[in-house]
Amino acid sequence: MPKDLEINIVRNGACSVVHIHGEIDLKTSPELRDALLDLFRKRSQERVILDFQGVTYIDSSGVASLIEGLHEAKTKKARLILANLGDSARHVLDLTRLTSVFEIAKTVEDALR
């Protein structure tokens, strides 16, 4: 049986790109949360880019994990950037009025600049 969520992290110095595939929901959001907190707290990343290209669904628990990651980034004076937001994820962030809170890039390449 395939995993509901797959997270692949590519680290390059003080920057990490987190490629996410699958659904971010009540069952899987703790995995994303843990990965984000680890990158900021233990790995001292200055910039973390979340690549949403493979995300098929995100619910309120997933949004809560993103907010917690953003809070940790701000605490560490780091950046959390969302990239490749699909219509579904953008819609959820629009509904929650969080598109103005998060730094959003069209592509991972744009976020790396």
C-alpha atoms as a PDB file:
ATOM      1  CA  MET A   1       0.000   0.000   0.000  1.00  0.00           C
ATOM      2  CA  PRO A   2       1.467   3.409  -0.963  1.00  0.00           C
ATOM      3  CA  LYS A   3       2.158   6.039   1.656  1.00  0.00           C
ATOM      4  CA  ASP A   4      -0.367   8.863   1.967  1.00  0.00           C
ATOM      5  CA  LEU A   5       2.433  11.426   2.120  1.00  0.00           C
ATOM      6  CA  GLU A   6       5.983  11.379   0.839  1.00  0.00           C
ATOM      7  CA  ILE A   7       8.491  14.030   1.874  1.00  0.00           C
ATOM      8  CA  ASN A   8      11.857  14.334   0.150  1.00  0.00           C
ATOM      9  CA  ILE A   9      14.276  16.955   1.444  1.00  0.00           C
ATOM     10  CA  VAL A  10      17.150  18.279  -0.647  1.00  0.00           C
ATOM     11  CA  ARG A  11      19.554  20.292   1.488  1.00  0.00           C
ATOM     12  CA  ASN A  12      22.091  22.703   0.074  1.00  0.00           C
ATOM     13  CA  GLY A  13      23.955  24.553   2.795  1.00  0.00           C
ATOM     14  CA  ALA A  14      21.518  26.759   4.718  1.00  0.00           C
ATOM     15  CA  CYS A  15      18.678  26.173   2.237  1.00  0.00           C
ATOM     16  CA  SER A  16      16.404  23.146   1.952  1.00  0.00           C
ATOM     17  CA  VAL A  17      13.821  22.276  -0.660  1.00  0.00           C
ATOM     18  CA  VAL A  18      11.076  20.018   0.677  1.00  0.00           C
ATOM     19  CA  HIS A  19       9.294  18.113  -2.096  1.00  0.00           C
ATOM     20  CA  ILE A  20       5.879  16.980  -0.890  1.00  0.00           C
ATOM     21  CA  HIS A  21       3.764  14.316  -2.625  1.00  0.00           C
ATOM     22  CA  GLY A  22       0.309  13.251  -1.531  1.00  0.00           C
ATOM     23  CA  GLU A  23      -2.273  14.497   0.923  1.00  0.00           C
ATOM     24  CA  ILE A  24      -1.558  16.723   3.909  1.00  0.00           C
ATOM     25  CA  ASP A  25      -4.316  15.906   6.375  1.00  0.00           C
ATOM     26  CA  LEU A  26      -4.948  14.998  10.004  1.00  0.00           C
ATOM     27  CA  LYS A  27      -3.126  11.683   9.577  1.00  0.00           C
ATOM     28  CA  THR A  28      -0.068  12.995   7.693  1.00  0.00           C
ATOM     29  CA  SER A  29       0.367  16.599   8.844  1.00  0.00           C
ATOM     30  CA  PRO A  30       2.439  15.632  11.934  1.00  0.00           C
ATOM     31  CA  GLU A  31       5.079  14.207   9.582  1.00  0.00           C
ATOM     32  CA  LEU A  32       5.315  17.529   7.710  1.00  0.00           C
ATOM     33  CA  ARG A  33       5.329  19.472  10.986  1.00  0.00           C
ATOM     34  CA  ASP A  34       8.172  17.354  12.372  1.00  0.00           C
ATOM     35  CA  ALA A  35      10.202  17.781   9.179  1.00  0.00           C
ATOM     36  CA  LEU A  36       9.772  21.569   9.243  1.00  0.00           C
ATOM     37  CA  LEU A  37      10.639  21.931  12.917  1.00  0.00           C
ATOM     38  CA  ASP A  38      13.686  19.699  12.463  1.00  0.00           C
ATOM     39  CA  LEU A  39      14.956  21.843   9.582  1.00  0.00           C
ATOM     40  CA  PHE A  40      14.688  25.051  11.574  1.00  0.00           C
ATOM     41  CA  ARG A  41      15.575  23.819  15.068  1.00  0.00           C
ATOM     42  CA  LYS A  42      18.215  21.144  14.511  1.00  0.00           C
ATOM     43  CA  ARG A  43      19.540  21.854  11.029  1.00  0.00           C
ATOM     44  CA  SER A  44      19.540  25.678  11.382  1.00  0.00           C
ATOM     45  CA  GLN A  45      18.195  26.242   7.887  1.00  0.00           C
ATOM     46  CA  GLU A  46      17.893  29.904   6.865  1.00  0.00           C
ATOM     47  CA  ARG A  47      15.469  29.212   4.029  1.00  0.00           C
ATOM     48  CA  VAL A  48      13.061  26.304   3.572  1.00  0.00           C
ATOM     49  CA  ILE A  49      11.101  26.003   0.339  1.00  0.00           C
ATOM     50  CA  LEU A  50       8.052  23.757   0.325  1.00  0.00           C
ATOM     51  CA  ASP A  51       7.415  22.383  -3.161  1.00  0.00           C
ATOM     52  CA  PHE A  52       3.666  21.764  -3.372  1.00  0.00           C
ATOM     53  CA  GLN A  53       3.736  20.417  -6.934  1.00  0.00           C
ATOM     54  CA  GLY A  54       2.831  16.898  -5.784  1.00  0.00           C
ATOM     55  CA  VAL A  55       0.277  17.911  -3.140  1.00  0.00           C
ATOM     56  CA  THR A  56      -3.185  16.650  -4.013  1.00  0.00           C
ATOM     57  CA  TYR A  57      -5.013  17.836  -0.881  1.00  0.00           C
ATOM     58  CA  ILE A  58      -4.485  19.915   2.260  1.00  0.00           C
ATOM     59  CA  ASP A  59      -6.878  20.348   5.171  1.00  0.00           C
ATOM     60  CA  SER A  60      -6.943  22.561   8.258  1.00  0.00           C
ATOM     61  CA  SER A  61      -4.503  20.346  10.169  1.00  0.00           C
ATOM     62  CA  GLY A  62      -2.057  20.700   7.278  1.00  0.00           C
ATOM     63  CA  VAL A  63      -2.496  24.466   7.361  1.00  0.00           C
ATOM     64  CA  ALA A  64      -1.854  24.387  11.128  1.00  0.00           C
ATOM     65  CA  SER A  65       1.431  22.562  10.492  1.00  0.00           C
ATOM     66  CA  LEU A  66       2.413  25.222   7.946  1.00  0.00           C
ATOM     67  CA  ILE A  67       1.603  27.980  10.430  1.00  0.00           C
ATOM     68  CA  GLU A  68       3.682  26.277  13.111  1.00  0.00           C
ATOM     69  CA  GLY A  69       6.562  25.973  10.642  1.00  0.00           C
ATOM     70  CA  LEU A  70       6.205  29.658   9.745  1.00  0.00           C
ATOM     71  CA  HIS A  71       6.223  30.625  13.426  1.00  0.00           C
ATOM     72  CA  GLU A  72       9.410  28.613  13.984  1.00  0.00           C
ATOM     73  CA  ALA A  73      11.007  30.208  10.907  1.00  0.00           C
ATOM     74  CA  LYS A  74      10.231  33.696  12.215  1.00  0.00           C
ATOM     75  CA  THR A  75      11.598  32.754  15.647  1.00  0.00           C
ATOM     76  CA  LYS A  76      14.875  31.707  13.985  1.00  0.00           C
ATOM     77  CA  LYS A  77      14.847  34.731  11.616  1.00  0.00           C
ATOM     78  CA  ALA A  78      14.576  32.313   8.701  1.00  0.00           C
ATOM     79  CA  ARG A  79      12.274  32.100   5.671  1.00  0.00           C
ATOM     80  CA  LEU A  80       9.577  29.569   4.832  1.00  0.00           C
ATOM     81  CA  ILE A  81       8.512  29.810   1.196  1.00  0.00           C
ATOM     82  CA  LEU A  82       5.642  27.931  -0.448  1.00  0.00           C
ATOM     83  CA  ALA A  83       6.180  27.123  -4.135  1.00  0.00           C
ATOM     84  CA  ASN A  84       4.202  25.473  -6.930  1.00  0.00           C
ATOM     85  CA  LEU A  85       0.883  25.892  -5.131  1.00  0.00           C
ATOM     86  CA  GLY A  86      -1.830  24.062  -6.985  1.00  0.00           C
ATOM     87  CA  ASP A  87      -5.394  25.318  -7.219  1.00  0.00           C
ATOM     88  CA  SER A  88      -6.547  23.200  -4.271  1.00  0.00           C
ATOM     89  CA  ALA A  89      -3.837  24.377  -1.850  1.00  0.00           C
ATOM     90  CA  ARG A  90      -4.134  27.994  -2.995  1.00  0.00           C
ATOM     91  CA  HIS A  91      -7.907  27.833  -2.512  1.00  0.00           C
ATOM     92  CA  VAL A  92      -7.498  26.636   1.090  1.00  0.00           C
ATOM     93  CA  LEU A  93      -4.981  29.403   1.813  1.00  0.00           C
ATOM     94  CA  ASP A  94      -7.278  31.961   0.159  1.00  0.00           C
ATOM     95  CA  LEU A  95     -10.247  30.807   2.245  1.00  0.00           C
ATOM     96  CA  THR A  96      -8.219  31.104   5.438  1.00  0.00           C
ATOM     97  CA  ARG A  97      -6.798  34.460   4.282  1.00  0.00           C
ATOM     98  CA  LEU A  98      -3.258  33.144   4.690  1.00  0.00           C
ATOM     99  CA  THR A  99      -1.950  33.926   1.206  1.00  0.00           C
ATOM    100  CA  SER A 100      -0.866  37.298   2.565  1.00  0.00           C
ATOM    101  CA  VAL A 101       0.837  35.695   5.584  1.00  0.00           C
ATOM    102  CA  PHE A 102       3.016  33.197   3.721  1.00  0.00           C
ATOM    103  CA  GLU A 103       5.789  33.998   1.295  1.00  0.00           C
ATOM    104  CA  ILE A 104       4.658  32.362  -1.953  1.00  0.00           C
ATOM    105  CA  ALA A 105       6.747  31.767  -5.073  1.00  0.00           C
ATOM    106  CA  LYS A 106       5.445  30.597  -8.415  1.00  0.00           C
ATOM    107  CA  THR A 107       8.177  27.947  -8.766  1.00  0.00           C
ATOM    108  CA  VAL A 108      10.996  26.447  -6.701  1.00  0.00           C
ATOM    109  CA  GLU A 109      13.448  28.169  -9.044  1.00  0.00           C
ATOM    110  CA  ASP A 110      11.861  31.553  -8.243  1.00  0.00           C
ATOM    111  CA  ALA A 111      12.108  30.795  -4.511  1.00  0.00           C
ATOM    112  CA  LEU A 112      15.801  29.917  -4.868  1.00  0.00           C
ATOM    113  CA  ARG A 113      16.609  33.345  -6.357  1.00  0.00           C
END
